[in-house]
N, C-alpha and C. Protein backbone atom coordinates (compact mmCIF):
# COMPACT_ATOMS: atom_id res chain seq x y z
N MET A 1 248.34 -26.28 -150.51
CA MET A 1 248.08 -26.62 -151.91
C MET A 1 249.06 -25.87 -152.80
N LYS A 2 249.31 -26.42 -153.92
CA LYS A 2 250.24 -25.80 -154.87
C LYS A 2 249.67 -24.50 -155.43
N GLU A 3 250.57 -23.65 -155.93
CA GLU A 3 250.14 -22.37 -156.53
C GLU A 3 249.20 -22.61 -157.70
N ASN A 4 249.59 -23.42 -158.66
CA ASN A 4 248.69 -23.78 -159.76
C ASN A 4 247.98 -25.05 -159.34
N ILE A 5 246.75 -24.91 -158.95
CA ILE A 5 246.01 -25.98 -158.32
C ILE A 5 245.70 -27.12 -159.27
N ARG A 6 245.19 -26.80 -160.42
CA ARG A 6 244.76 -27.85 -161.34
C ARG A 6 245.05 -27.38 -162.75
N THR A 7 245.53 -28.29 -163.54
CA THR A 7 245.84 -27.96 -164.92
C THR A 7 245.13 -28.97 -165.81
N GLN A 8 244.45 -28.50 -166.82
CA GLN A 8 243.82 -29.36 -167.81
C GLN A 8 244.50 -29.07 -169.13
N LYS A 9 245.30 -30.05 -169.58
CA LYS A 9 246.02 -29.91 -170.85
C LYS A 9 246.88 -28.64 -170.86
N LYS A 10 247.31 -28.22 -169.68
CA LYS A 10 248.19 -27.06 -169.52
C LYS A 10 247.61 -25.75 -170.07
N VAL A 11 246.30 -25.67 -170.26
CA VAL A 11 245.71 -24.42 -170.72
C VAL A 11 244.78 -23.81 -169.68
N PHE A 12 244.27 -24.60 -168.75
CA PHE A 12 243.36 -24.11 -167.72
C PHE A 12 243.98 -24.35 -166.35
N THR A 13 244.12 -23.27 -165.57
CA THR A 13 244.67 -23.39 -164.23
C THR A 13 243.79 -22.65 -163.24
N ILE A 14 243.89 -23.08 -162.00
CA ILE A 14 243.23 -22.42 -160.87
C ILE A 14 244.34 -22.09 -159.88
N ARG A 15 244.37 -20.83 -159.44
CA ARG A 15 245.37 -20.43 -158.46
C ARG A 15 244.73 -19.53 -157.41
N PHE A 16 245.32 -19.51 -156.23
CA PHE A 16 244.86 -18.58 -155.21
C PHE A 16 245.24 -17.16 -155.62
N ALA A 17 244.33 -16.23 -155.38
CA ALA A 17 244.57 -14.83 -155.72
C ALA A 17 245.66 -14.27 -154.82
N ARG A 18 246.36 -13.29 -155.38
CA ARG A 18 247.39 -12.54 -154.66
C ARG A 18 246.93 -11.09 -154.56
N GLU A 19 247.56 -10.35 -153.69
CA GLU A 19 247.15 -8.96 -153.47
C GLU A 19 247.16 -8.15 -154.76
N GLU A 20 248.09 -8.43 -155.64
CA GLU A 20 248.15 -7.69 -156.91
C GLU A 20 246.98 -8.01 -157.85
N ASP A 21 246.13 -8.97 -157.48
CA ASP A 21 244.94 -9.33 -158.27
C ASP A 21 243.71 -8.52 -157.88
N VAL A 22 243.83 -7.58 -156.94
CA VAL A 22 242.66 -6.86 -156.43
C VAL A 22 241.86 -6.19 -157.54
N SER A 23 242.51 -5.52 -158.47
CA SER A 23 241.76 -4.84 -159.53
C SER A 23 241.04 -5.86 -160.42
N LEU A 24 241.65 -7.00 -160.66
CA LEU A 24 241.01 -8.06 -161.44
C LEU A 24 239.80 -8.61 -160.69
N ILE A 25 239.93 -8.83 -159.41
CA ILE A 25 238.82 -9.34 -158.60
C ILE A 25 237.64 -8.36 -158.67
N LEU A 26 237.92 -7.07 -158.52
CA LEU A 26 236.85 -6.08 -158.60
C LEU A 26 236.22 -6.08 -159.99
N GLU A 27 237.02 -6.24 -161.01
CA GLU A 27 236.49 -6.31 -162.38
C GLU A 27 235.54 -7.50 -162.52
N PHE A 28 235.94 -8.66 -162.01
CA PHE A 28 235.06 -9.84 -162.06
C PHE A 28 233.78 -9.61 -161.27
N ILE A 29 233.89 -8.99 -160.10
CA ILE A 29 232.70 -8.71 -159.28
C ILE A 29 231.72 -7.84 -160.06
N LYS A 30 232.24 -6.83 -160.72
CA LYS A 30 231.37 -5.93 -161.49
C LYS A 30 230.76 -6.63 -162.70
N GLU A 31 231.51 -7.49 -163.36
CA GLU A 31 230.96 -8.24 -164.49
C GLU A 31 229.84 -9.16 -164.01
N LEU A 32 230.04 -9.84 -162.88
CA LEU A 32 229.00 -10.70 -162.33
C LEU A 32 227.78 -9.88 -161.93
N ALA A 33 227.99 -8.76 -161.26
CA ALA A 33 226.87 -7.91 -160.84
C ALA A 33 226.09 -7.40 -162.05
N ASP A 34 226.79 -7.05 -163.11
CA ASP A 34 226.13 -6.61 -164.33
C ASP A 34 225.25 -7.73 -164.90
N TYR A 35 225.78 -8.95 -164.94
CA TYR A 35 225.01 -10.11 -165.42
C TYR A 35 223.76 -10.31 -164.56
N GLU A 36 223.89 -10.11 -163.26
CA GLU A 36 222.77 -10.30 -162.34
C GLU A 36 221.87 -9.07 -162.24
N LYS A 37 222.15 -8.07 -163.06
CA LYS A 37 221.38 -6.82 -163.06
C LYS A 37 221.46 -6.11 -161.71
N LEU A 38 222.62 -6.20 -161.07
CA LEU A 38 222.81 -5.61 -159.75
C LEU A 38 224.05 -4.71 -159.68
N LEU A 39 224.54 -4.28 -160.82
CA LEU A 39 225.74 -3.46 -160.85
C LEU A 39 225.60 -2.20 -159.99
N HIS A 40 224.39 -1.67 -159.94
CA HIS A 40 224.15 -0.46 -159.14
C HIS A 40 224.37 -0.69 -157.64
N GLU A 41 224.43 -1.95 -157.21
CA GLU A 41 224.62 -2.24 -155.79
C GLU A 41 226.08 -2.42 -155.39
N VAL A 42 226.97 -2.47 -156.35
CA VAL A 42 228.39 -2.69 -156.04
C VAL A 42 228.99 -1.41 -155.47
N VAL A 43 229.43 -1.48 -154.23
CA VAL A 43 230.12 -0.35 -153.59
C VAL A 43 231.56 -0.73 -153.23
N ALA A 44 231.92 -1.97 -153.46
CA ALA A 44 233.29 -2.43 -153.18
C ALA A 44 234.28 -1.61 -154.00
N THR A 45 235.43 -1.38 -153.40
CA THR A 45 236.54 -0.70 -154.08
C THR A 45 237.77 -1.59 -153.95
N GLU A 46 238.80 -1.25 -154.68
CA GLU A 46 240.06 -2.00 -154.54
C GLU A 46 240.58 -1.93 -153.11
N ASP A 47 240.48 -0.76 -152.48
CA ASP A 47 240.96 -0.62 -151.10
C ASP A 47 240.17 -1.49 -150.14
N ILE A 48 238.85 -1.50 -150.30
CA ILE A 48 238.00 -2.34 -149.44
C ILE A 48 238.35 -3.81 -149.63
N LEU A 49 238.49 -4.24 -150.87
CA LEU A 49 238.83 -5.65 -151.14
C LEU A 49 240.21 -6.00 -150.61
N ARG A 50 241.17 -5.12 -150.80
CA ARG A 50 242.53 -5.36 -150.30
C ARG A 50 242.50 -5.58 -148.79
N GLU A 51 241.78 -4.71 -148.09
CA GLU A 51 241.67 -4.81 -146.63
C GLU A 51 240.98 -6.12 -146.22
N SER A 52 239.85 -6.41 -146.84
CA SER A 52 239.06 -7.58 -146.45
C SER A 52 239.72 -8.91 -146.82
N LEU A 53 240.27 -8.97 -148.02
CA LEU A 53 240.79 -10.25 -148.52
C LEU A 53 242.24 -10.53 -148.12
N PHE A 54 243.05 -9.49 -148.04
CA PHE A 54 244.48 -9.74 -147.85
C PHE A 54 245.03 -9.23 -146.52
N LYS A 55 244.35 -8.31 -145.89
CA LYS A 55 244.79 -7.84 -144.57
C LYS A 55 244.03 -8.60 -143.47
N ARG A 56 242.71 -8.50 -143.51
CA ARG A 56 241.89 -9.17 -142.50
C ARG A 56 241.67 -10.65 -142.84
N LYS A 57 241.76 -10.99 -144.11
CA LYS A 57 241.63 -12.37 -144.61
C LYS A 57 240.29 -13.01 -144.21
N VAL A 58 239.20 -12.26 -144.42
CA VAL A 58 237.88 -12.77 -144.07
C VAL A 58 237.27 -13.64 -145.17
N ALA A 59 237.89 -13.63 -146.34
CA ALA A 59 237.44 -14.49 -147.45
C ALA A 59 238.66 -14.79 -148.31
N GLU A 60 238.48 -15.77 -149.18
CA GLU A 60 239.55 -16.17 -150.09
C GLU A 60 239.04 -16.12 -151.52
N VAL A 61 239.96 -16.02 -152.46
CA VAL A 61 239.61 -15.97 -153.88
C VAL A 61 240.55 -16.90 -154.63
N VAL A 62 239.98 -17.62 -155.58
CA VAL A 62 240.80 -18.33 -156.56
C VAL A 62 240.49 -17.75 -157.93
N ILE A 63 241.51 -17.72 -158.76
CA ILE A 63 241.41 -17.17 -160.11
C ILE A 63 241.55 -18.33 -161.09
N ALA A 64 240.63 -18.39 -162.05
CA ALA A 64 240.71 -19.39 -163.12
C ALA A 64 241.35 -18.71 -164.33
N GLU A 65 242.31 -19.40 -164.93
CA GLU A 65 243.00 -18.84 -166.09
C GLU A 65 242.97 -19.84 -167.24
N TYR A 66 242.80 -19.31 -168.44
CA TYR A 66 242.85 -20.10 -169.66
C TYR A 66 244.01 -19.55 -170.49
N LYS A 67 244.97 -20.40 -170.77
CA LYS A 67 246.19 -19.97 -171.48
C LYS A 67 246.81 -18.74 -170.81
N LYS A 68 246.86 -18.81 -169.47
CA LYS A 68 247.45 -17.77 -168.62
C LYS A 68 246.68 -16.45 -168.61
N GLU A 69 245.48 -16.42 -169.18
CA GLU A 69 244.63 -15.23 -169.16
C GLU A 69 243.48 -15.44 -168.17
N PRO A 70 243.27 -14.52 -167.22
CA PRO A 70 242.17 -14.66 -166.26
C PRO A 70 240.82 -14.72 -166.98
N MET A 71 240.00 -15.70 -166.60
CA MET A 71 238.68 -15.85 -167.23
C MET A 71 237.57 -16.14 -166.22
N GLY A 72 237.90 -16.17 -164.95
CA GLY A 72 236.87 -16.41 -163.95
C GLY A 72 237.45 -16.40 -162.55
N PHE A 73 236.56 -16.43 -161.58
CA PHE A 73 237.00 -16.44 -160.19
C PHE A 73 235.94 -17.07 -159.30
N ALA A 74 236.35 -17.41 -158.10
CA ALA A 74 235.43 -17.83 -157.05
C ALA A 74 235.88 -17.17 -155.76
N LEU A 75 234.94 -16.60 -155.03
CA LEU A 75 235.20 -15.98 -153.74
C LEU A 75 234.43 -16.78 -152.70
N PHE A 76 235.11 -17.20 -151.64
CA PHE A 76 234.50 -18.09 -150.65
C PHE A 76 235.06 -17.82 -149.27
N PHE A 77 234.38 -18.35 -148.26
CA PHE A 77 234.84 -18.22 -146.87
C PHE A 77 234.25 -19.35 -146.06
N HIS A 78 234.73 -19.47 -144.83
CA HIS A 78 234.22 -20.53 -143.94
C HIS A 78 233.06 -20.01 -143.10
N ASN A 79 232.07 -20.86 -142.94
CA ASN A 79 231.02 -20.63 -141.97
C ASN A 79 231.08 -21.81 -140.99
N PHE A 80 230.07 -22.01 -140.18
CA PHE A 80 230.13 -23.09 -139.20
C PHE A 80 228.74 -23.69 -139.00
N SER A 81 228.69 -25.00 -138.98
CA SER A 81 227.44 -25.71 -138.71
C SER A 81 227.46 -26.20 -137.26
N THR A 82 226.55 -25.66 -136.46
CA THR A 82 226.46 -26.11 -135.08
C THR A 82 225.95 -27.55 -135.02
N PHE A 83 225.08 -27.94 -135.95
CA PHE A 83 224.56 -29.30 -135.96
C PHE A 83 225.65 -30.31 -136.26
N LEU A 84 226.52 -29.99 -137.21
CA LEU A 84 227.62 -30.90 -137.56
C LEU A 84 228.82 -30.72 -136.63
N GLY A 85 228.93 -29.53 -136.01
CA GLY A 85 230.09 -29.25 -135.19
C GLY A 85 231.35 -29.06 -136.02
N LYS A 86 231.16 -28.66 -137.27
CA LYS A 86 232.28 -28.51 -138.20
C LYS A 86 232.11 -27.23 -139.03
N PRO A 87 233.24 -26.77 -139.58
CA PRO A 87 233.13 -25.65 -140.51
C PRO A 87 232.50 -26.09 -141.81
N GLY A 88 232.00 -25.12 -142.53
CA GLY A 88 231.52 -25.33 -143.89
C GLY A 88 232.24 -24.37 -144.81
N LEU A 89 232.14 -24.62 -146.08
CA LEU A 89 232.70 -23.70 -147.06
C LEU A 89 231.53 -23.05 -147.78
N TYR A 90 231.48 -21.73 -147.75
CA TYR A 90 230.41 -20.99 -148.38
C TYR A 90 230.95 -20.24 -149.59
N LEU A 91 230.37 -20.51 -150.73
CA LEU A 91 230.73 -19.86 -151.98
C LEU A 91 229.88 -18.60 -152.15
N GLU A 92 230.50 -17.45 -152.08
CA GLU A 92 229.78 -16.20 -152.25
C GLU A 92 229.56 -15.89 -153.72
N ASP A 93 230.60 -16.04 -154.52
CA ASP A 93 230.49 -15.74 -155.95
C ASP A 93 231.34 -16.70 -156.76
N LEU A 94 230.80 -17.13 -157.87
CA LEU A 94 231.54 -17.87 -158.88
C LEU A 94 231.18 -17.25 -160.21
N TYR A 95 232.19 -16.93 -161.00
CA TYR A 95 231.94 -16.26 -162.26
C TYR A 95 232.91 -16.76 -163.31
N ILE A 96 232.38 -17.09 -164.46
CA ILE A 96 233.16 -17.42 -165.64
C ILE A 96 232.72 -16.45 -166.73
N ARG A 97 233.67 -15.83 -167.39
CA ARG A 97 233.31 -14.90 -168.46
C ARG A 97 232.47 -15.60 -169.52
N PRO A 98 231.47 -14.89 -170.07
CA PRO A 98 230.50 -15.51 -170.99
C PRO A 98 231.13 -16.30 -172.14
N GLU A 99 232.20 -15.78 -172.72
CA GLU A 99 232.80 -16.47 -173.88
C GLU A 99 233.49 -17.78 -173.50
N MET A 100 233.66 -18.03 -172.20
CA MET A 100 234.33 -19.24 -171.74
C MET A 100 233.35 -20.24 -171.11
N ARG A 101 232.09 -19.90 -171.08
CA ARG A 101 231.10 -20.79 -170.45
C ARG A 101 230.81 -21.98 -171.35
N GLY A 102 230.29 -23.03 -170.73
CA GLY A 102 229.91 -24.23 -171.47
C GLY A 102 231.06 -25.16 -171.78
N ARG A 103 232.21 -24.93 -171.18
CA ARG A 103 233.39 -25.76 -171.43
C ARG A 103 233.80 -26.59 -170.23
N GLY A 104 233.01 -26.51 -169.15
CA GLY A 104 233.31 -27.29 -167.96
C GLY A 104 234.17 -26.59 -166.93
N TYR A 105 234.53 -25.32 -167.17
CA TYR A 105 235.40 -24.63 -166.24
C TYR A 105 234.70 -24.29 -164.92
N GLY A 106 233.42 -23.94 -165.01
CA GLY A 106 232.66 -23.68 -163.78
C GLY A 106 232.58 -24.93 -162.92
N LYS A 107 232.32 -26.06 -163.55
CA LYS A 107 232.26 -27.32 -162.80
C LYS A 107 233.62 -27.65 -162.19
N THR A 108 234.69 -27.38 -162.93
CA THR A 108 236.02 -27.62 -162.39
C THR A 108 236.29 -26.74 -161.18
N LEU A 109 235.86 -25.47 -161.23
CA LEU A 109 236.00 -24.59 -160.07
C LEU A 109 235.22 -25.13 -158.87
N LEU A 110 233.99 -25.57 -159.11
CA LEU A 110 233.19 -26.15 -158.02
C LEU A 110 233.84 -27.42 -157.48
N SER A 111 234.38 -28.24 -158.35
CA SER A 111 235.06 -29.46 -157.91
C SER A 111 236.29 -29.13 -157.07
N PHE A 112 237.03 -28.11 -157.49
CA PHE A 112 238.18 -27.67 -156.71
C PHE A 112 237.74 -27.25 -155.32
N LEU A 113 236.67 -26.45 -155.24
CA LEU A 113 236.20 -25.97 -153.95
C LEU A 113 235.66 -27.12 -153.09
N ALA A 114 235.00 -28.08 -153.72
CA ALA A 114 234.53 -29.25 -152.98
C ALA A 114 235.71 -30.02 -152.39
N LYS A 115 236.76 -30.18 -153.16
CA LYS A 115 237.96 -30.87 -152.65
C LYS A 115 238.60 -30.06 -151.54
N LEU A 116 238.67 -28.75 -151.71
CA LEU A 116 239.21 -27.90 -150.66
C LEU A 116 238.39 -28.05 -149.37
N ALA A 117 237.07 -28.09 -149.50
CA ALA A 117 236.20 -28.29 -148.34
C ALA A 117 236.52 -29.63 -147.66
N LYS A 118 236.68 -30.66 -148.44
CA LYS A 118 237.02 -31.97 -147.87
C LYS A 118 238.40 -31.92 -147.21
N ASP A 119 239.38 -31.32 -147.87
CA ASP A 119 240.73 -31.21 -147.31
C ASP A 119 240.75 -30.44 -146.00
N ARG A 120 239.84 -29.48 -145.86
CA ARG A 120 239.77 -28.67 -144.64
C ARG A 120 238.78 -29.24 -143.62
N ASP A 121 238.30 -30.45 -143.86
CA ASP A 121 237.37 -31.15 -142.97
C ASP A 121 236.06 -30.39 -142.77
N CYS A 122 235.57 -29.79 -143.84
CA CYS A 122 234.27 -29.11 -143.79
C CYS A 122 233.16 -30.15 -143.94
N GLY A 123 232.05 -29.89 -143.29
CA GLY A 123 230.90 -30.78 -143.38
C GLY A 123 229.94 -30.41 -144.50
N ARG A 124 230.12 -29.20 -145.05
CA ARG A 124 229.20 -28.72 -146.09
C ARG A 124 229.93 -27.81 -147.06
N PHE A 125 229.36 -27.73 -148.24
CA PHE A 125 229.77 -26.75 -149.25
C PHE A 125 228.47 -26.20 -149.80
N GLU A 126 228.24 -24.91 -149.65
CA GLU A 126 226.95 -24.35 -150.06
C GLU A 126 227.08 -22.97 -150.65
N TRP A 127 225.99 -22.55 -151.32
CA TRP A 127 225.94 -21.25 -151.99
C TRP A 127 224.49 -20.91 -152.27
N TRP A 128 224.25 -19.67 -152.66
CA TRP A 128 222.93 -19.22 -153.08
C TRP A 128 222.92 -19.06 -154.58
N CYS A 129 221.72 -19.08 -155.14
CA CYS A 129 221.56 -18.83 -156.57
C CYS A 129 220.29 -18.00 -156.75
N ILE A 130 220.38 -16.95 -157.55
CA ILE A 130 219.21 -16.13 -157.85
C ILE A 130 218.15 -17.01 -158.52
N ASP A 131 216.90 -16.86 -158.10
CA ASP A 131 215.85 -17.78 -158.55
C ASP A 131 215.50 -17.69 -160.03
N TRP A 132 215.91 -16.63 -160.73
CA TRP A 132 215.61 -16.53 -162.17
C TRP A 132 216.73 -17.09 -163.04
N ASN A 133 217.83 -17.49 -162.43
CA ASN A 133 218.98 -17.96 -163.20
C ASN A 133 218.84 -19.45 -163.50
N GLU A 134 217.93 -19.76 -164.39
CA GLU A 134 217.59 -21.14 -164.72
C GLU A 134 218.78 -21.96 -165.23
N PRO A 135 219.64 -21.41 -166.09
CA PRO A 135 220.80 -22.22 -166.52
C PRO A 135 221.67 -22.68 -165.35
N SER A 136 221.91 -21.79 -164.40
CA SER A 136 222.71 -22.16 -163.24
C SER A 136 221.97 -23.16 -162.36
N ILE A 137 220.69 -22.96 -162.16
CA ILE A 137 219.91 -23.88 -161.34
C ILE A 137 219.96 -25.29 -161.93
N GLN A 138 219.76 -25.40 -163.23
CA GLN A 138 219.82 -26.72 -163.88
C GLN A 138 221.21 -27.33 -163.76
N PHE A 139 222.24 -26.51 -163.93
CA PHE A 139 223.61 -26.98 -163.79
C PHE A 139 223.85 -27.50 -162.37
N TYR A 140 223.45 -26.73 -161.36
CA TYR A 140 223.68 -27.15 -159.98
C TYR A 140 222.95 -28.46 -159.68
N LYS A 141 221.74 -28.59 -160.17
CA LYS A 141 221.01 -29.85 -159.96
C LYS A 141 221.73 -31.01 -160.64
N SER A 142 222.33 -30.75 -161.82
CA SER A 142 223.00 -31.82 -162.56
C SER A 142 224.23 -32.35 -161.84
N ILE A 143 224.82 -31.55 -160.95
CA ILE A 143 225.98 -32.03 -160.21
C ILE A 143 225.60 -32.55 -158.82
N GLY A 144 224.30 -32.63 -158.55
CA GLY A 144 223.83 -33.20 -157.29
C GLY A 144 223.54 -32.20 -156.19
N ALA A 145 223.58 -30.90 -156.49
CA ALA A 145 223.27 -29.90 -155.47
C ALA A 145 221.78 -29.93 -155.17
N GLU A 146 221.44 -29.68 -153.93
CA GLU A 146 220.05 -29.70 -153.48
C GLU A 146 219.61 -28.30 -153.07
N ALA A 147 218.49 -27.85 -153.61
CA ALA A 147 217.93 -26.55 -153.21
C ALA A 147 217.38 -26.66 -151.80
N MET A 148 217.66 -25.69 -150.99
CA MET A 148 217.19 -25.67 -149.60
C MET A 148 215.94 -24.81 -149.52
N ASP A 149 214.89 -25.24 -150.19
CA ASP A 149 213.67 -24.44 -150.33
C ASP A 149 212.94 -24.15 -149.02
N GLU A 150 213.20 -24.95 -148.00
CA GLU A 150 212.50 -24.73 -146.74
C GLU A 150 213.13 -23.63 -145.90
N TRP A 151 214.24 -23.07 -146.35
CA TRP A 151 214.93 -22.00 -145.64
C TRP A 151 214.71 -20.68 -146.36
N THR A 152 214.53 -19.62 -145.60
CA THR A 152 214.40 -18.28 -146.16
C THR A 152 215.57 -17.44 -145.66
N VAL A 153 216.20 -16.74 -146.55
CA VAL A 153 217.33 -15.89 -146.20
C VAL A 153 216.78 -14.56 -145.68
N TYR A 154 217.33 -14.10 -144.56
CA TYR A 154 216.99 -12.80 -144.01
C TYR A 154 218.25 -11.95 -143.98
N ARG A 155 218.06 -10.64 -144.12
CA ARG A 155 219.21 -9.74 -144.16
C ARG A 155 218.84 -8.40 -143.55
N VAL A 156 219.78 -7.85 -142.81
CA VAL A 156 219.73 -6.43 -142.43
C VAL A 156 221.04 -5.82 -142.90
N ASP A 157 220.95 -4.67 -143.52
CA ASP A 157 222.14 -3.98 -144.00
C ASP A 157 221.89 -2.48 -144.00
N GLY A 158 222.94 -1.73 -144.29
CA GLY A 158 222.79 -0.28 -144.38
C GLY A 158 222.20 0.33 -143.12
N GLU A 159 221.20 1.17 -143.30
CA GLU A 159 220.57 1.86 -142.18
C GLU A 159 219.87 0.89 -141.23
N ARG A 160 219.32 -0.19 -141.76
CA ARG A 160 218.66 -1.18 -140.90
C ARG A 160 219.67 -1.85 -139.99
N LEU A 161 220.87 -2.12 -140.50
CA LEU A 161 221.93 -2.70 -139.68
C LEU A 161 222.38 -1.70 -138.62
N ASP A 162 222.55 -0.45 -139.04
CA ASP A 162 222.93 0.61 -138.09
C ASP A 162 221.90 0.72 -136.98
N SER A 163 220.63 0.71 -137.33
CA SER A 163 219.55 0.85 -136.36
C SER A 163 219.52 -0.31 -135.38
N LEU A 164 219.65 -1.52 -135.89
CA LEU A 164 219.63 -2.70 -135.02
C LEU A 164 220.83 -2.69 -134.08
N ALA A 165 222.00 -2.37 -134.59
CA ALA A 165 223.20 -2.33 -133.77
C ALA A 165 223.11 -1.25 -132.69
N ALA A 166 222.45 -0.15 -133.01
CA ALA A 166 222.33 0.96 -132.06
C ALA A 166 221.45 0.60 -130.86
N GLU A 167 220.64 -0.44 -131.00
CA GLU A 167 219.78 -0.85 -129.90
C GLU A 167 220.53 -1.55 -128.79
N PHE A 168 221.75 -1.91 -129.02
CA PHE A 168 222.54 -2.62 -127.99
C PHE A 168 223.13 -1.64 -127.00
């Protein structure tokens, strides 16, 4: 795909992040975490992100820009559906700065990722949403997204992850 993925009237662009964007990516992560009232949980650093995103390449990031100024991002990676026998695209985070919301940029980012999923022959494009974020829930429903209410997310992390791994 081209460096500038999509242009709307030459003021809005989407591009793949570069290693020099690490501090910006961390800034966006912290802004999103603050919005979600989870800033206290952010332990990511520029070094951790540089290693994960650009050395190990376990996830990808696209940066949304308005008049060449960064105003949002999406971080995503591939998962796999055994039922479909195909990869999926999982959106970990999508964030548009508050002053830029309501202009269709979030939908454009989702559309870009949906097209990327199709181009990469993915069978699914999915993400989670915090259950109190009603504006996002309504938006996702408006674009045809379906809540997977019959599934419950489980997680082990930190000491619980260490303990489970130690049992092997």
